Every structure is written in C-alpha cells, then in structure tokens.
PDB file of N, CA and C in Angstrom:
ATOM      1  N   MET A   1      23.143  -2.493 -32.040  1.00  0.00           N
ATOM      2  CA  MET A   1      23.768  -2.957 -33.262  1.00  0.00           C
ATOM      3  C   MET A   1      22.718  -3.001 -34.363  1.00  0.00           C
ATOM      4  N   ASN A   2      23.144  -2.604 -35.566  1.00  0.00           N
ATOM      5  CA  ASN A   2      22.289  -2.753 -36.734  1.00  0.00           C
ATOM      6  C   ASN A   2      23.155  -3.260 -37.887  1.00  0.00           C
ATOM      7  N   ASP A   3      22.637  -3.239 -39.103  1.00  0.00           N
ATOM      8  CA  ASP A   3      23.385  -3.775 -40.244  1.00  0.00           C
ATOM      9  C   ASP A   3      24.646  -2.985 -40.562  1.00  0.00           C
ATOM     10  N   LYS A   4      24.710  -1.723 -40.133  1.00  0.00           N
ATOM     11  CA  LYS A   4      25.849  -0.871 -40.486  1.00  0.00           C
ATOM     12  C   LYS A   4      26.756  -0.535 -39.314  1.00  0.00           C
ATOM     13  N   THR A   5      26.304  -0.772 -38.087  1.00  0.00           N
ATOM     14  CA  THR A   5      27.071  -0.361 -36.907  1.00  0.00           C
ATOM     15  C   THR A   5      27.136  -1.483 -35.880  1.00  0.00           C
ATOM     16  N   LEU A   6      28.331  -1.680 -35.327  1.00  0.00           N
ATOM     17  CA  LEU A   6      28.535  -2.604 -34.217  1.00  0.00           C
ATOM     18  C   LEU A   6      28.951  -1.752 -33.024  1.00  0.00           C
ATOM     19  N   HIS A   7      28.165  -1.794 -31.954  1.00  0.00           N
ATOM     20  CA  HIS A   7      28.426  -0.966 -30.774  1.00  0.00           C
ATOM     21  C   HIS A   7      28.740  -1.893 -29.603  1.00  0.00           C
ATOM     22  N   ILE A   8      29.974  -1.789 -29.085  1.00  0.00           N
ATOM     23  CA  ILE A   8      30.413  -2.614 -27.963  1.00  0.00           C
ATOM     24  C   ILE A   8      30.535  -1.709 -26.743  1.00  0.00           C
ATOM     25  N   ILE A   9      29.909  -2.117 -25.626  1.00  0.00           N
ATOM     26  CA  ILE A   9      29.938  -1.326 -24.399  1.00  0.00           C
ATOM     27  C   ILE A   9      30.664  -2.121 -23.321  1.00  0.00           C
ATOM     28  N   LEU A  10      31.720  -1.513 -22.754  1.00  0.00           N
ATOM     29  CA  LEU A  10      32.496  -2.133 -21.678  1.00  0.00           C
ATOM     30  C   LEU A  10      32.283  -1.305 -20.416  1.00  0.00           C
ATOM     31  N   GLU A  11      31.766  -1.951 -19.369  1.00  0.00           N
ATOM     32  CA  GLU A  11      31.459  -1.251 -18.117  1.00  0.00           C
ATOM     33  C   GLU A  11      32.454  -1.670 -17.037  1.00  0.00           C
ATOM     34  N   GLU A  12      33.058  -0.684 -16.393  1.00  0.00           N
ATOM     35  CA  GLU A  12      34.031  -0.957 -15.337  1.00  0.00           C
ATOM     36  C   GLU A  12      33.325  -1.574 -14.126  1.00  0.00           C
ATOM     37  N   LYS A  13      33.943  -2.584 -13.551  1.00  0.00           N
ATOM     38  CA  LYS A  13      33.368  -3.233 -12.371  1.00  0.00           C
ATOM     39  C   LYS A  13      33.355  -2.275 -11.186  1.00  0.00           C
ATOM     40  N   ASN A  14      32.471  -2.545 -10.241  1.00  0.00           N
ATOM     41  CA  ASN A  14      32.392  -1.724  -9.028  1.00  0.00           C
ATOM     42  C   ASN A  14      33.427  -2.235  -8.020  1.00  0.00           C
ATOM     43  N   ASP A  15      34.701  -2.001  -8.352  1.00  0.00           N
ATOM     44  CA  ASP A  15      35.833  -2.442  -7.545  1.00  0.00           C
ATOM     45  C   ASP A  15      36.807  -1.264  -7.436  1.00  0.00           C
ATOM     46  N   PRO A  16      36.611  -0.380  -6.459  1.00  0.00           N
ATOM     47  CA  PRO A  16      37.415   0.845  -6.375  1.00  0.00           C
ATOM     48  C   PRO A  16      38.898   0.569  -6.149  1.00  0.00           C
ATOM     49  N   PRO A  17      39.760   1.409  -6.738  1.00  0.00           N
ATOM     50  CA  PRO A  17      41.203   1.263  -6.577  1.00  0.00           C
ATOM     51  C   PRO A  17      41.662   1.850  -5.238  1.00  0.00           C
ATOM     52  N   LEU A  18      41.371   1.160  -4.151  1.00  0.00           N
ATOM     53  CA  LEU A  18      41.663   1.676  -2.813  1.00  0.00           C
ATOM     54  C   LEU A  18      43.118   1.412  -2.417  1.00  0.00           C
ATOM     55  N   GLU A  19      43.643   2.302  -1.590  1.00  0.00           N
ATOM     56  CA  GLU A  19      44.980   2.162  -1.030  1.00  0.00           C
ATOM     57  C   GLU A  19      44.850   2.010   0.481  1.00  0.00           C
ATOM     58  N   GLU A  20      45.960   1.727   1.160  1.00  0.00           N
ATOM     59  CA  GLU A  20      45.928   1.537   2.616  1.00  0.00           C
ATOM     60  C   GLU A  20      45.403   2.772   3.340  1.00  0.00           C
ATOM     61  N   ARG A  21      45.692   3.947   2.825  1.00  0.00           N
ATOM     62  CA  ARG A  21      45.247   5.177   3.494  1.00  0.00           C
ATOM     63  C   ARG A  21      43.728   5.325   3.483  1.00  0.00           C
ATOM     64  N   HIS A  22      43.050   4.542   2.656  1.00  0.00           N
ATOM     65  CA  HIS A  22      41.586   4.601   2.573  1.00  0.00           C
ATOM     66  C   HIS A  22      40.902   3.627   3.525  1.00  0.00           C
ATOM     67  N   SER A  23      41.679   2.800   4.242  1.00  0.00           N
ATOM     68  CA  SER A  23      41.057   1.786   5.103  1.00  0.00           C
ATOM     69  C   SER A  23      40.230   2.447   6.202  1.00  0.00           C
ATOM     70  N   GLY A  24      39.068   1.882   6.459  1.00  0.00           N
ATOM     71  CA  GLY A  24      38.173   2.401   7.485  1.00  0.00           C
ATOM     72  C   GLY A  24      37.242   3.499   7.014  1.00  0.00           C
ATOM     73  N   LEU A  25      37.443   4.015   5.787  1.00  0.00           N
ATOM     74  CA  LEU A  25      36.580   5.070   5.258  1.00  0.00           C
ATOM     75  C   LEU A  25      35.446   4.452   4.443  1.00  0.00           C
ATOM     76  N   THR A  26      34.327   5.141   4.374  1.00  0.00           N
ATOM     77  CA  THR A  26      33.214   4.658   3.564  1.00  0.00           C
ATOM     78  C   THR A  26      33.472   4.974   2.090  1.00  0.00           C
ATOM     79  N   VAL A  27      33.085   4.043   1.233  1.00  0.00           N
ATOM     80  CA  VAL A  27      33.270   4.191  -0.210  1.00  0.00           C
ATOM     81  C   VAL A  27      31.912   4.078  -0.869  1.00  0.00           C
ATOM     82  N   LYS A  28      31.591   5.057  -1.722  1.00  0.00           N
ATOM     83  CA  LYS A  28      30.294   5.064  -2.404  1.00  0.00           C
ATOM     84  C   LYS A  28      30.514   5.227  -3.902  1.00  0.00           C
ATOM     85  N   SER A  29      29.897   4.342  -4.695  1.00  0.00           N
ATOM     86  CA  SER A  29      29.956   4.463  -6.146  1.00  0.00           C
ATOM     87  C   SER A  29      29.078   5.636  -6.567  1.00  0.00           C
ATOM     88  N   LEU A  30      29.604   6.522  -7.399  1.00  0.00           N
ATOM     89  CA  LEU A  30      28.854   7.720  -7.787  1.00  0.00           C
ATOM     90  C   LEU A  30      28.138   7.547  -9.119  1.00  0.00           C
ATOM     91  N   ASP A  31      28.869   7.618 -10.204  1.00  0.00           N
ATOM     92  CA  ASP A  31      28.247   7.591 -11.521  1.00  0.00           C
ATOM     93  C   ASP A  31      29.262   7.111 -12.542  1.00  0.00           C
ATOM     94  N   PHE A  32      28.883   7.162 -13.809  1.00  0.00           N
ATOM     95  CA  PHE A  32      29.746   6.743 -14.898  1.00  0.00           C
ATOM     96  C   PHE A  32      30.119   7.931 -15.761  1.00  0.00           C
ATOM     97  N   GLN A  33      31.305   7.828 -16.370  1.00  0.00           N
ATOM     98  CA  GLN A  33      31.703   8.749 -17.423  1.00  0.00           C
ATOM     99  C   GLN A  33      31.828   7.894 -18.674  1.00  0.00           C
ATOM    100  N   ASP A  34      31.046   8.196 -19.697  1.00  0.00           N
ATOM    101  CA  ASP A  34      31.080   7.419 -20.935  1.00  0.00           C
ATOM    102  C   ASP A  34      32.078   8.026 -21.906  1.00  0.00           C
ATOM    103  N   ILE A  35      32.930   7.173 -22.459  1.00  0.00           N
ATOM    104  CA  ILE A  35      33.876   7.590 -23.488  1.00  0.00           C
ATOM    105  C   ILE A  35      33.629   6.671 -24.674  1.00  0.00           C
ATOM    106  N   THR A  36      33.321   7.252 -25.849  1.00  0.00           N
ATOM    107  CA  THR A  36      33.061   6.449 -27.038  1.00  0.00           C
ATOM    108  C   THR A  36      34.138   6.713 -28.070  1.00  0.00           C
ATOM    109  N   ILE A  37      34.676   5.631 -28.612  1.00  0.00           N
ATOM    110  CA  ILE A  37      35.744   5.702 -29.608  1.00  0.00           C
ATOM    111  C   ILE A  37      35.266   5.005 -30.875  1.00  0.00           C
ATOM    112  N   ARG A  38      35.488   5.642 -32.003  1.00  0.00           N
ATOM    113  CA  ARG A  38      35.197   5.003 -33.290  1.00  0.00           C
ATOM    114  C   ARG A  38      36.430   4.192 -33.661  1.00  0.00           C
ATOM    115  N   ASP A  39      36.257   2.901 -33.872  1.00  0.00           N
ATOM    116  CA  ASP A  39      37.372   2.004 -34.122  1.00  0.00           C
ATOM    117  C   ASP A  39      37.322   1.519 -35.565  1.00  0.00           C
ATOM    118  N   PHE A  40      38.302   0.715 -35.943  1.00  0.00           N
ATOM    119  CA  PHE A  40      38.352   0.174 -37.294  1.00  0.00           C
ATOM    120  C   PHE A  40      37.141  -0.718 -37.536  1.00  0.00           C
ATOM    121  N   PRO A  41      36.648  -0.740 -38.761  1.00  0.00           N
ATOM    122  CA  PRO A  41      35.466  -1.540 -39.072  1.00  0.00           C
ATOM    123  C   PRO A  41      35.674  -3.023 -38.796  1.00  0.00           C
ATOM    124  N   VAL A  42      34.609  -3.675 -38.350  1.00  0.00           N
ATOM    125  CA  VAL A  42      34.595  -5.114 -38.141  1.00  0.00           C
ATOM    126  C   VAL A  42      33.603  -5.697 -39.137  1.00  0.00           C
ATOM    127  N   ARG A  43      34.095  -6.523 -40.017  1.00  0.00           N
ATOM    128  CA  ARG A  43      33.255  -7.147 -41.050  1.00  0.00           C
ATOM    129  C   ARG A  43      32.401  -6.134 -41.801  1.00  0.00           C
ATOM    130  N   GLY A  44      33.020  -5.010 -42.145  1.00  0.00           N
ATOM    131  CA  GLY A  44      32.347  -3.993 -42.937  1.00  0.00           C
ATOM    132  C   GLY A  44      31.415  -3.083 -42.167  1.00  0.00           C
ATOM    133  N   ARG A  45      31.342  -3.219 -40.844  1.00  0.00           N
ATOM    134  CA  ARG A  45      30.461  -2.375 -40.026  1.00  0.00           C
ATOM    135  C   ARG A  45      31.286  -1.324 -39.290  1.00  0.00           C
ATOM    136  N   GLU A  46      30.734  -0.125 -39.178  1.00  0.00           N
ATOM    137  CA  GLU A  46      31.347   0.886 -38.328  1.00  0.00           C
ATOM    138  C   GLU A  46      31.355   0.340 -36.905  1.00  0.00           C
ATOM    139  N   THR A  47      32.473   0.482 -36.195  1.00  0.00           N
ATOM    140  CA  THR A  47      32.589  -0.073 -34.851  1.00  0.00           C
ATOM    141  C   THR A  47      32.750   1.043 -33.839  1.00  0.00           C
ATOM    142  N   LEU A  48      31.882   1.051 -32.841  1.00  0.00           N
ATOM    143  CA  LEU A  48      31.945   2.017 -31.756  1.00  0.00           C
ATOM    144  C   LEU A  48      32.242   1.269 -30.462  1.00  0.00           C
ATOM    145  N   LEU A  49      33.260   1.724 -29.731  1.00  0.00           N
ATOM    146  CA  LEU A  49      33.587   1.161 -28.426  1.00  0.00           C
ATOM    147  C   LEU A  49      33.237   2.195 -27.377  1.00  0.00           C
ATOM    148  N   THR A  50      32.365   1.849 -26.435  1.00  0.00           N
ATOM    149  CA  THR A  50      32.011   2.754 -25.348  1.00  0.00           C
ATOM    150  C   THR A  50      32.548   2.179 -24.049  1.00  0.00           C
ATOM    151  N   PHE A  51      33.349   2.979 -23.367  1.00  0.00           N
ATOM    152  CA  PHE A  51      33.895   2.619 -22.068  1.00  0.00           C
ATOM    153  C   PHE A  51      33.118   3.391 -21.016  1.00  0.00           C
ATOM    154  N   LYS A  52      32.474   2.680 -20.110  1.00  0.00           N
ATOM    155  CA  LYS A  52      31.733   3.309 -19.013  1.00  0.00           C
ATOM    156  C   LYS A  52      32.634   3.252 -17.784  1.00  0.00           C
ATOM    157  N   ARG A  53      33.267   4.386 -17.459  1.00  0.00           N
ATOM    158  CA  ARG A  53      34.206   4.459 -16.352  1.00  0.00           C
ATOM    159  C   ARG A  53      33.499   4.948 -15.095  1.00  0.00           C
ATOM    160  N   ARG A  54      33.812   4.315 -13.972  1.00  0.00           N
ATOM    161  CA  ARG A  54      33.182   4.653 -12.687  1.00  0.00           C
ATOM    162  C   ARG A  54      33.967   5.721 -11.940  1.00  0.00           C
ATOM    163  N   ARG A  55      33.255   6.357 -11.003  1.00  0.00           N
ATOM    164  CA  ARG A  55      33.857   7.258 -10.018  1.00  0.00           C
ATOM    165  C   ARG A  55      33.350   6.839  -8.654  1.00  0.00           C
ATOM    166  N   TRP A  56      34.210   6.986  -7.632  1.00  0.00           N
ATOM    167  CA  TRP A  56      33.839   6.643  -6.265  1.00  0.00           C
ATOM    168  C   TRP A  56      34.162   7.808  -5.353  1.00  0.00           C
ATOM    169  N   ARG A  57      33.356   7.974  -4.312  1.00  0.00           N
ATOM    170  CA  ARG A  57      33.638   8.954  -3.263  1.00  0.00           C
ATOM    171  C   ARG A  57      34.142   8.173  -2.046  1.00  0.00           C
ATOM    172  N   VAL A  58      35.307   8.598  -1.541  1.00  0.00           N
ATOM    173  CA  VAL A  58      35.913   7.967  -0.366  1.00  0.00           C
ATOM    174  C   VAL A  58      35.840   8.974   0.767  1.00  0.00           C
ATOM    175  N   GLY A  59      35.220   8.563   1.869  1.00  0.00           N
ATOM    176  CA  GLY A  59      35.056   9.486   2.991  1.00  0.00           C
ATOM    177  C   GLY A  59      34.072  10.579   2.610  1.00  0.00           C
ATOM    178  N   ASP A  60      34.400  11.816   3.003  1.00  0.00           N
ATOM    179  CA  ASP A  60      33.496  12.938   2.737  1.00  0.00           C
ATOM    180  C   ASP A  60      33.841  13.738   1.493  1.00  0.00           C
ATOM    181  N   SER A  61      35.076  13.598   0.980  1.00  0.00           N
ATOM    182  CA  SER A  61      35.443  14.512  -0.092  1.00  0.00           C
ATOM    183  C   SER A  61      36.231  13.909  -1.251  1.00  0.00           C
ATOM    184  N   GLU A  62      37.076  12.935  -1.014  1.00  0.00           N
ATOM    185  CA  GLU A  62      37.986  12.466  -2.075  1.00  0.00           C
ATOM    186  C   GLU A  62      37.234  11.666  -3.139  1.00  0.00           C
ATOM    187  N   ILE A  63      37.513  11.981  -4.398  1.00  0.00           N
ATOM    188  CA  ILE A  63      36.936  11.279  -5.539  1.00  0.00           C
ATOM    189  C   ILE A  63      38.029  10.408  -6.153  1.00  0.00           C
ATOM    190  N   LEU A  64      37.715   9.139  -6.372  1.00  0.00           N
ATOM    191  CA  LEU A  64      38.668   8.206  -6.978  1.00  0.00           C
ATOM    192  C   LEU A  64      38.222   7.817  -8.370  1.00  0.00           C
ATOM    193  N   ARG A  65      39.190   7.657  -9.259  1.00  0.00           N
ATOM    194  CA  ARG A  65      38.992   7.093 -10.597  1.00  0.00           C
ATOM    195  C   ARG A  65      40.171   6.198 -10.888  1.00  0.00           C
ATOM    196  N   ARG A  66      39.939   5.174 -11.642  1.00  0.00           N
ATOM    197  CA  ARG A  66      41.024   4.289 -12.058  1.00  0.00           C
ATOM    198  C   ARG A  66      41.684   4.905 -13.280  1.00  0.00           C
ATOM    199  N   ALA A  67      43.014   4.895 -13.310  1.00  0.00           N
ATOM    200  CA  ALA A  67      43.757   5.417 -14.460  1.00  0.00           C
ATOM    201  C   ALA A  67      43.752   4.367 -15.566  1.00  0.00           C
ATOM    202  N   ILE A  68      43.023   4.655 -16.628  1.00  0.00           N
ATOM    203  CA  ILE A  68      42.929   3.732 -17.762  1.00  0.00           C
ATOM    204  C   ILE A  68      43.328   4.505 -19.008  1.00  0.00           C
ATOM    205  N   ASN A  69      44.428   4.094 -19.629  1.00  0.00           N
ATOM    206  CA  ASN A  69      44.853   4.727 -20.877  1.00  0.00           C
ATOM    207  C   ASN A  69      44.161   4.042 -22.038  1.00  0.00           C
ATOM    208  N   LEU A  70      43.463   4.821 -22.845  1.00  0.00           N
ATOM    209  CA  LEU A  70      42.747   4.272 -23.985  1.00  0.00           C
ATOM    210  C   LEU A  70      43.579   4.338 -25.260  1.00  0.00           C
ATOM    211  N   ARG A  71      44.792   4.885 -25.140  1.00  0.00           N
ATOM    212  CA  ARG A  71      45.680   5.006 -26.291  1.00  0.00           C
ATOM    213  C   ARG A  71      47.107   4.830 -25.803  1.00  0.00           C
ATOM    214  N   ALA A  72      47.903   4.130 -26.553  1.00  0.00           N
ATOM    215  CA  ALA A  72      49.298   3.935 -26.169  1.00  0.00           C
ATOM    216  C   ALA A  72      50.037   5.277 -26.227  1.00  0.00           C
ATOM    217  N   PRO A  73      50.904   5.558 -25.253  1.00  0.00           N
ATOM    218  CA  PRO A  73      51.633   6.828 -25.234  1.00  0.00           C
ATOM    219  C   PRO A  73      52.424   7.041 -26.520  1.00  0.00           C
ATOM    220  N   GLY A  74      52.334   8.250 -27.050  1.00  0.00           N
ATOM    221  CA  GLY A  74      53.101   8.612 -28.244  1.00  0.00           C
ATOM    222  C   GLY A  74      52.509   8.161 -29.556  1.00  0.00           C
ATOM    223  N   THR A  75      51.349   7.519 -29.537  1.00  0.00           N
ATOM    224  CA  THR A  75      50.763   7.061 -30.803  1.00  0.00           C
ATOM    225  C   THR A  75      49.776   8.086 -31.333  1.00  0.00           C
ATOM    226  N   ARG A  76      49.732   8.128 -32.636  1.00  0.00           N
ATOM    227  CA  ARG A  76      48.750   8.952 -33.337  1.00  0.00           C
ATOM    228  C   ARG A  76      48.194   8.090 -34.453  1.00  0.00           C
ATOM    229  N   LEU A  77      47.540   7.048 -34.056  1.00  0.00           N
ATOM    230  CA  LEU A  77      47.130   5.989 -34.966  1.00  0.00           C
ATOM    231  C   LEU A  77      46.270   6.486 -36.124  1.00  0.00           C
ATOM    232  N   GLU A  78      45.289   7.310 -35.864  1.00  0.00           N
ATOM    233  CA  GLU A  78      44.376   7.715 -36.926  1.00  0.00           C
ATOM    234  C   GLU A  78      45.095   8.461 -38.038  1.00  0.00           C
ATOM    235  N   GLU A  79      45.946   9.422 -37.691  1.00  0.00           N
ATOM    236  CA  GLU A  79      46.661  10.194 -38.692  1.00  0.00           C
ATOM    237  C   GLU A  79      47.631   9.305 -39.472  1.00  0.00           C
ATOM    238  N   GLU A  80      48.373   8.458 -38.763  1.00  0.00           N
ATOM    239  CA  GLU A  80      49.322   7.572 -39.428  1.00  0.00           C
ATOM    240  C   GLU A  80      48.611   6.582 -40.348  1.00  0.00           C
ATOM    241  N   PHE A  81      47.487   6.058 -39.912  1.00  0.00           N
ATOM    242  CA  PHE A  81      46.744   5.115 -40.742  1.00  0.00           C
ATOM    243  C   PHE A  81      46.211   5.817 -41.987  1.00  0.00           C
ATOM    244  N   GLY A  82      45.756   7.048 -41.828  1.00  0.00           N
ATOM    245  CA  GLY A  82      45.285   7.822 -42.974  1.00  0.00           C
ATOM    246  C   GLY A  82      46.390   8.075 -43.986  1.00  0.00           C
ATOM    247  N   LEU A  83      47.589   8.410 -43.503  1.00  0.00           N
ATOM    248  CA  LEU A  83      48.733   8.621 -44.401  1.00  0.00           C
ATOM    249  C   LEU A  83      49.117   7.328 -45.103  1.00  0.00           C
ATOM    250  N   PHE A  84      49.042   6.202 -44.390  1.00  0.00           N
ATOM    251  CA  PHE A  84      49.319   4.902 -44.992  1.00  0.00           C
ATOM    252  C   PHE A  84      48.349   4.624 -46.126  1.00  0.00           C
ATOM    253  N   LEU A  85      47.069   4.879 -45.897  1.00  0.00           N
ATOM    254  CA  LEU A  85      46.078   4.631 -46.937  1.00  0.00           C
ATOM    255  C   LEU A  85      46.274   5.579 -48.127  1.00  0.00           C
ATOM    256  N   LYS A  86      46.627   6.836 -47.835  1.00  0.00           N
ATOM    257  CA  LYS A  86      46.831   7.812 -48.896  1.00  0.00           C
ATOM    258  C   LYS A  86      48.020   7.396 -49.774  1.00  0.00           C
ATOM    259  N   ALA A  87      49.095   6.913 -49.161  1.00  0.00           N
ATOM    260  CA  ALA A  87      50.280   6.494 -49.901  1.00  0.00           C
ATOM    261  C   ALA A  87      50.016   5.252 -50.726  1.00  0.00           C
ATOM    262  N   ASP A  88      49.091   4.414 -50.270  1.00  0.00           N
ATOM    263  CA  ASP A  88      48.800   3.153 -50.960  1.00  0.00           C
ATOM    264  C   ASP A  88      47.979   3.360 -52.226  1.00  0.00           C
ATOM    265  N   SER A  89      47.234   4.462 -52.308  1.00  0.00           N
ATOM    266  CA  SER A  89      46.346   4.654 -53.472  1.00  0.00           C
ATOM    267  C   SER A  89      47.002   5.368 -54.619  1.00  0.00           C
TER     268      SER A  89
END
C-alpha cells in the first residue's frame, strides 16, 4: 500500500474441497493461482484485490480447485458503470 494504491490480498485456506470418493487418498497442496482485480476506489486510492487460489493433487493424478465466482452471473459492472458516469456528465 502507498498513498495512491490500496492492495488487499485474500489467500484461500489450505482446506481442500474433498468428496466421499476422495476418502483414503493422499492430498497435497500444490501452488497458488493469483487473480488481481481493479476495484472501485477506496478513499480516493486505486484499489487492487488479489485472490490467491489454491490447487490440490488428490491421489496420483486428480487436481482439485474450489469453484469461486468472482463476478455475479450476467453482470457487466464495468461497462454499465461507465455508461452511468457518461450519462451523468
């Protein structure tokens, strides 16, 4: 964080989304996939949200990821917000 930017980092817990079919198999945390989103300003600062998503290996081959939607289905917030601002000026 500096005077112009607020950077928030959210890291997924090491809690794999296991199902019954995975019982008895070894689970290993692999790595992170970083997704950064530019969000609306907070107190005049550019706001960056970084989501650090985990991956796990179950058994010898299967890779697991948690399904996390970062945007509501059917929304196009940035374009709509831009049109709103354009109409207001």
